[in-house]
């Protein structure tokens, strides 16, 4: 897809900044994006987004910043929380195919206050969650050997969980049905180990197998709360 004109980019900036409504979805479709009528896109700041696909019953909450992304794919039932910075170094998408992409599969979730560099592409598997706050996914960096900027994709498998304040670097892979512990750093070396389980440390490595109801749930959000002292669970406490 060719570069968009400054006028068209400015029009899209204004449209994405509108409050959520079916009329807003209709306008975005007229501008060439693939937006399902049931999608809820709150007021967000979008600049130079080549194409967006926002699926059925998906949500993009307010005050996200999305800049220079080639392809934004939000699958059915997926959620993007508030105050996230989602961007890409435009030169990669302009120069090579398959770069500058954020892809959330069905019922995946990004919570809030995270930084996602999509220069080398990020894929979040179905029912997976980037939870907590302040996680950084950085897909591009300087290759000291070649004295050149390079970018590599980051892959998060299905039913996988990213704890708060993590770092994921280009080329890293978190297997299906896994969890990355809070404060851990996942690097390219993880791609050589496909064991599901709990990953910890900096650099993160496989620690142990884990299991739980979260890994077989059928809803995007976790809405129940539990009192650890008594074990009492209140279902659907979060609306």
Protein backbone atom coordinates (compact mmCIF):
# COMPACT_ATOMS: atom_id res chain seq x y z
CA UNK A 1 0.00 0.00 0.00
CA UNK A 2 1.41 3.41 -0.94
CA UNK A 3 2.07 6.30 1.40
CA UNK A 4 -0.94 8.31 2.47
CA UNK A 5 -1.13 12.03 1.80
CA UNK A 6 -0.78 14.50 4.65
CA UNK A 7 -4.41 15.52 4.14
CA UNK A 8 -5.71 11.95 4.43
CA UNK A 9 -3.50 11.26 7.45
CA UNK A 10 -4.86 14.41 9.12
CA UNK A 11 -8.46 13.39 8.37
CA UNK A 12 -7.86 9.98 9.93
CA UNK A 13 -6.25 11.63 12.97
CA UNK A 14 -9.48 13.57 13.49
CA UNK A 15 -11.74 10.55 12.94
CA UNK A 16 -9.87 8.23 15.31
CA UNK A 17 -10.04 11.01 17.91
CA UNK A 18 -13.86 10.95 17.94
CA UNK A 19 -15.78 9.26 20.79
CA UNK A 20 -16.79 5.67 20.09
CA UNK A 21 -19.91 5.25 17.96
CA UNK A 22 -21.26 3.25 15.06
CA UNK A 23 -20.97 6.43 12.99
CA UNK A 24 -17.25 6.59 13.76
CA UNK A 25 -16.88 2.96 12.64
CA UNK A 26 -18.70 3.79 9.42
CA UNK A 27 -16.39 6.73 8.70
CA UNK A 28 -13.30 4.60 9.29
CA UNK A 29 -14.65 1.97 6.90
CA UNK A 30 -15.14 4.69 4.29
CA UNK A 31 -11.49 5.58 4.79
CA UNK A 32 -10.48 2.04 3.87
CA UNK A 33 -10.15 0.36 7.25
CA UNK A 34 -11.87 -2.91 8.16
CA UNK A 35 -13.98 -2.11 11.22
CA UNK A 36 -16.76 -4.39 12.43
CA UNK A 37 -19.99 -2.57 13.46
CA UNK A 38 -19.81 -4.07 16.97
CA UNK A 39 -16.22 -2.89 17.57
CA UNK A 40 -15.76 -0.14 20.18
CA UNK A 41 -13.00 2.32 19.36
CA UNK A 42 -12.72 5.09 21.93
CA UNK A 43 -10.90 8.38 21.31
CA UNK A 44 -7.30 7.54 20.39
CA UNK A 45 -4.41 9.43 18.79
CA UNK A 46 -3.50 7.78 15.49
CA UNK A 47 -0.90 9.03 13.03
CA UNK A 48 0.14 7.38 9.77
CA UNK A 49 -1.64 4.06 10.28
CA UNK A 50 -1.69 2.25 6.93
CA UNK A 51 -4.54 -0.17 7.70
CA UNK A 52 -6.60 -1.29 10.69
CA UNK A 53 -8.70 -4.40 11.13
CA UNK A 54 -10.83 -4.24 14.28
CA UNK A 55 -12.91 -7.37 14.78
CA UNK A 56 -16.30 -8.21 16.25
CA UNK A 57 -16.89 -7.14 19.86
CA UNK A 58 -13.30 -5.92 20.19
CA UNK A 59 -12.36 -2.82 22.20
CA UNK A 60 -9.69 -0.12 21.87
CA UNK A 61 -9.94 2.06 24.97
CA UNK A 62 -9.19 5.77 25.15
CA UNK A 63 -5.89 7.66 25.12
CA UNK A 64 -3.76 5.19 23.19
CA UNK A 65 -1.12 6.57 20.82
CA UNK A 66 -0.62 4.62 17.58
CA UNK A 67 2.06 5.93 15.21
CA UNK A 68 3.64 4.75 11.95
CA UNK A 69 2.11 1.27 12.16
CA UNK A 70 1.68 -0.60 8.88
CA UNK A 71 -1.02 -3.03 9.99
CA UNK A 72 -3.08 -3.01 13.19
CA UNK A 73 -5.05 -6.24 13.56
CA UNK A 74 -7.35 -6.51 16.58
CA UNK A 75 -9.08 -9.90 16.51
CA UNK A 76 -12.64 -10.71 17.54
CA UNK A 77 -13.19 -10.05 21.25
CA UNK A 78 -9.67 -8.66 21.77
CA UNK A 79 -9.05 -5.65 24.05
CA UNK A 80 -6.48 -2.86 24.03
CA UNK A 81 -6.56 -0.94 27.33
CA UNK A 82 -5.73 2.74 27.84
CA UNK A 83 -2.54 4.83 27.71
CA UNK A 84 -0.46 2.49 25.56
CA UNK A 85 2.20 3.71 23.12
CA UNK A 86 2.17 1.59 19.95
CA UNK A 87 4.64 2.67 17.30
CA UNK A 88 7.10 1.55 14.64
CA UNK A 89 10.18 2.91 12.93
CA UNK A 90 8.61 3.74 9.58
CA UNK A 91 11.73 2.97 7.54
CA UNK A 92 11.35 -0.80 8.13
CA UNK A 93 7.77 -0.93 6.86
CA UNK A 94 8.69 1.28 3.91
CA UNK A 95 11.70 -0.87 3.00
CA UNK A 96 10.73 -4.49 3.73
CA UNK A 97 7.50 -6.55 3.67
CA UNK A 98 6.05 -7.92 6.91
CA UNK A 99 7.32 -5.16 9.20
CA UNK A 100 5.42 -2.59 11.29
CA UNK A 101 2.62 -4.96 12.35
CA UNK A 102 0.73 -5.46 15.60
CA UNK A 103 -1.52 -8.51 15.53
CA UNK A 104 -3.77 -9.46 18.43
CA UNK A 105 -5.54 -12.75 17.82
CA UNK A 106 -9.07 -13.44 19.07
CA UNK A 107 -9.67 -12.58 22.74
CA UNK A 108 -6.10 -11.40 23.34
CA UNK A 109 -5.58 -8.44 25.66
CA UNK A 110 -3.15 -5.58 26.26
CA UNK A 111 -3.90 -3.87 29.57
CA UNK A 112 -2.62 -0.29 30.03
CA UNK A 113 0.51 1.85 30.14
CA UNK A 114 2.72 -0.36 27.98
CA UNK A 115 5.19 0.54 25.21
CA UNK A 116 5.10 -1.59 22.06
CA UNK A 117 7.62 -1.11 19.26
CA UNK A 118 6.15 -2.89 16.23
CA UNK A 119 9.03 -2.20 13.84
CA UNK A 120 9.74 -5.92 13.49
CA UNK A 121 6.13 -7.06 14.12
CA UNK A 122 4.43 -8.28 17.31
CA UNK A 123 1.95 -11.15 17.45
CA UNK A 124 -0.09 -11.90 20.58
CA UNK A 125 -1.82 -15.27 20.48
CA UNK A 126 -5.48 -15.90 21.24
CA UNK A 127 -6.52 -15.55 24.90
CA UNK A 128 -3.08 -14.20 25.83
CA UNK A 129 -2.59 -11.12 28.00
CA UNK A 130 0.04 -8.41 28.37
CA UNK A 131 -0.98 -7.65 31.94
CA UNK A 132 -0.02 -5.11 34.61
CA UNK A 133 1.81 -1.93 33.58
CA UNK A 134 5.10 -0.72 32.04
CA UNK A 135 6.01 -3.72 29.89
CA UNK A 136 8.20 -2.79 26.92
CA UNK A 137 8.36 -4.81 23.70
CA UNK A 138 11.31 -3.58 21.63
CA UNK A 139 11.66 -5.25 18.24
CA UNK A 140 14.43 -3.13 16.73
CA UNK A 141 17.94 -2.21 17.85
CA UNK A 142 21.45 -1.52 16.56
CA UNK A 143 23.37 -4.47 15.15
CA UNK A 144 26.89 -3.66 16.36
CA UNK A 145 28.50 -6.21 14.04
CA UNK A 146 26.97 -4.67 10.90
CA UNK A 147 26.61 -1.09 12.18
CA UNK A 148 22.99 -1.13 11.02
CA UNK A 149 19.54 -0.98 12.58
CA UNK A 150 17.83 -4.39 12.57
CA UNK A 151 14.34 -5.56 13.51
CA UNK A 152 12.95 -8.99 14.42
CA UNK A 153 9.43 -10.11 15.36
CA UNK A 154 8.23 -10.95 18.86
CA UNK A 155 5.86 -13.89 19.26
CA UNK A 156 3.61 -14.49 22.28
CA UNK A 157 1.85 -17.85 22.08
CA UNK A 158 -1.80 -18.54 22.81
CA UNK A 159 -3.04 -18.60 26.42
CA UNK A 160 0.18 -16.93 27.58
CA UNK A 161 0.60 -14.27 30.26
CA UNK A 162 3.08 -11.38 30.47
CA UNK A 163 3.51 -10.09 34.03
CA UNK A 164 4.02 -6.43 34.93
CA UNK A 165 7.17 -4.47 34.02
CA UNK A 166 8.67 -7.02 31.60
CA UNK A 167 11.01 -6.52 28.65
CA UNK A 168 10.68 -8.51 25.42
CA UNK A 169 13.38 -8.03 22.78
CA UNK A 170 13.30 -8.69 19.05
CA UNK A 171 13.38 -12.36 18.13
CA UNK A 172 11.99 -13.53 21.47
CA UNK A 173 9.25 -16.17 21.69
CA UNK A 174 7.03 -17.04 24.66
CA UNK A 175 5.52 -20.51 24.07
CA UNK A 176 1.82 -21.35 24.24
CA UNK A 177 0.33 -21.81 27.72
CA UNK A 178 3.18 -19.97 29.44
CA UNK A 179 3.74 -17.06 31.83
CA UNK A 180 6.57 -14.52 31.94
CA UNK A 181 7.17 -13.47 35.54
CA UNK A 182 7.07 -9.81 36.58
CA UNK A 183 10.26 -7.90 35.85
CA UNK A 184 11.67 -10.58 33.53
CA UNK A 185 13.49 -9.97 30.25
CA UNK A 186 12.75 -12.31 27.33
CA UNK A 187 15.50 -12.38 24.69
CA UNK A 188 16.18 -14.02 21.34
CA UNK A 189 17.64 -17.09 23.08
CA UNK A 190 14.11 -18.04 24.23
CA UNK A 191 13.24 -19.04 20.66
CA UNK A 192 15.41 -22.15 21.08
CA UNK A 193 13.23 -23.52 23.94
CA UNK A 194 9.55 -24.24 23.29
CA UNK A 195 8.66 -25.68 26.71
CA UNK A 196 5.39 -24.33 28.15
CA UNK A 197 5.54 -23.09 31.71
CA UNK A 198 6.77 -20.27 33.93
CA UNK A 199 9.67 -18.22 32.55
CA UNK A 200 11.70 -16.05 34.97
CA UNK A 201 14.81 -13.91 35.11
CA UNK A 202 16.92 -11.59 33.02
CA UNK A 203 17.50 -13.12 30.58
CA UNK A 204 14.42 -15.25 31.19
CA UNK A 205 14.62 -19.02 31.08
CA UNK A 206 12.19 -21.85 31.69
CA UNK A 207 11.63 -22.36 35.43
CA UNK A 208 8.83 -24.88 35.92
CA UNK A 209 5.58 -26.24 34.53
CA UNK A 210 2.40 -24.42 35.57
CA UNK A 211 -1.32 -25.05 35.32
CA UNK A 212 -4.57 -23.32 36.24
CA UNK A 213 -8.07 -22.38 35.13
CA UNK A 214 -6.76 -19.24 33.41
CA UNK A 215 -5.21 -21.43 30.70
CA UNK A 216 -8.57 -22.86 29.63
CA UNK A 217 -10.88 -19.88 30.08
CA UNK A 218 -13.30 -18.83 27.34
CA UNK A 219 -13.49 -15.06 28.00
CA UNK A 220 -10.98 -12.30 27.27
CA UNK A 221 -11.08 -10.66 30.71
CA UNK A 222 -10.64 -12.13 34.18
CA UNK A 223 -13.55 -10.61 36.08
CA UNK A 224 -13.68 -12.66 39.30
CA UNK A 225 -11.97 -11.64 42.57
CA UNK A 226 -10.81 -13.85 45.44
CA UNK A 227 -10.11 -13.25 49.13
CA UNK A 228 -6.86 -15.17 49.66
CA UNK A 229 -7.45 -15.46 53.42
CA UNK A 230 -10.82 -17.20 53.10
CA UNK A 231 -10.74 -18.53 49.56
CA UNK A 232 -14.07 -16.82 48.81
CA UNK A 233 -14.55 -16.03 45.13
CA UNK A 234 -16.93 -13.42 43.77
CA UNK A 235 -17.68 -14.04 40.12
CA UNK A 236 -18.01 -11.18 37.64
CA UNK A 237 -16.99 -8.57 40.21
CA UNK A 238 -15.47 -6.48 37.42
CA UNK A 239 -17.98 -5.18 34.91
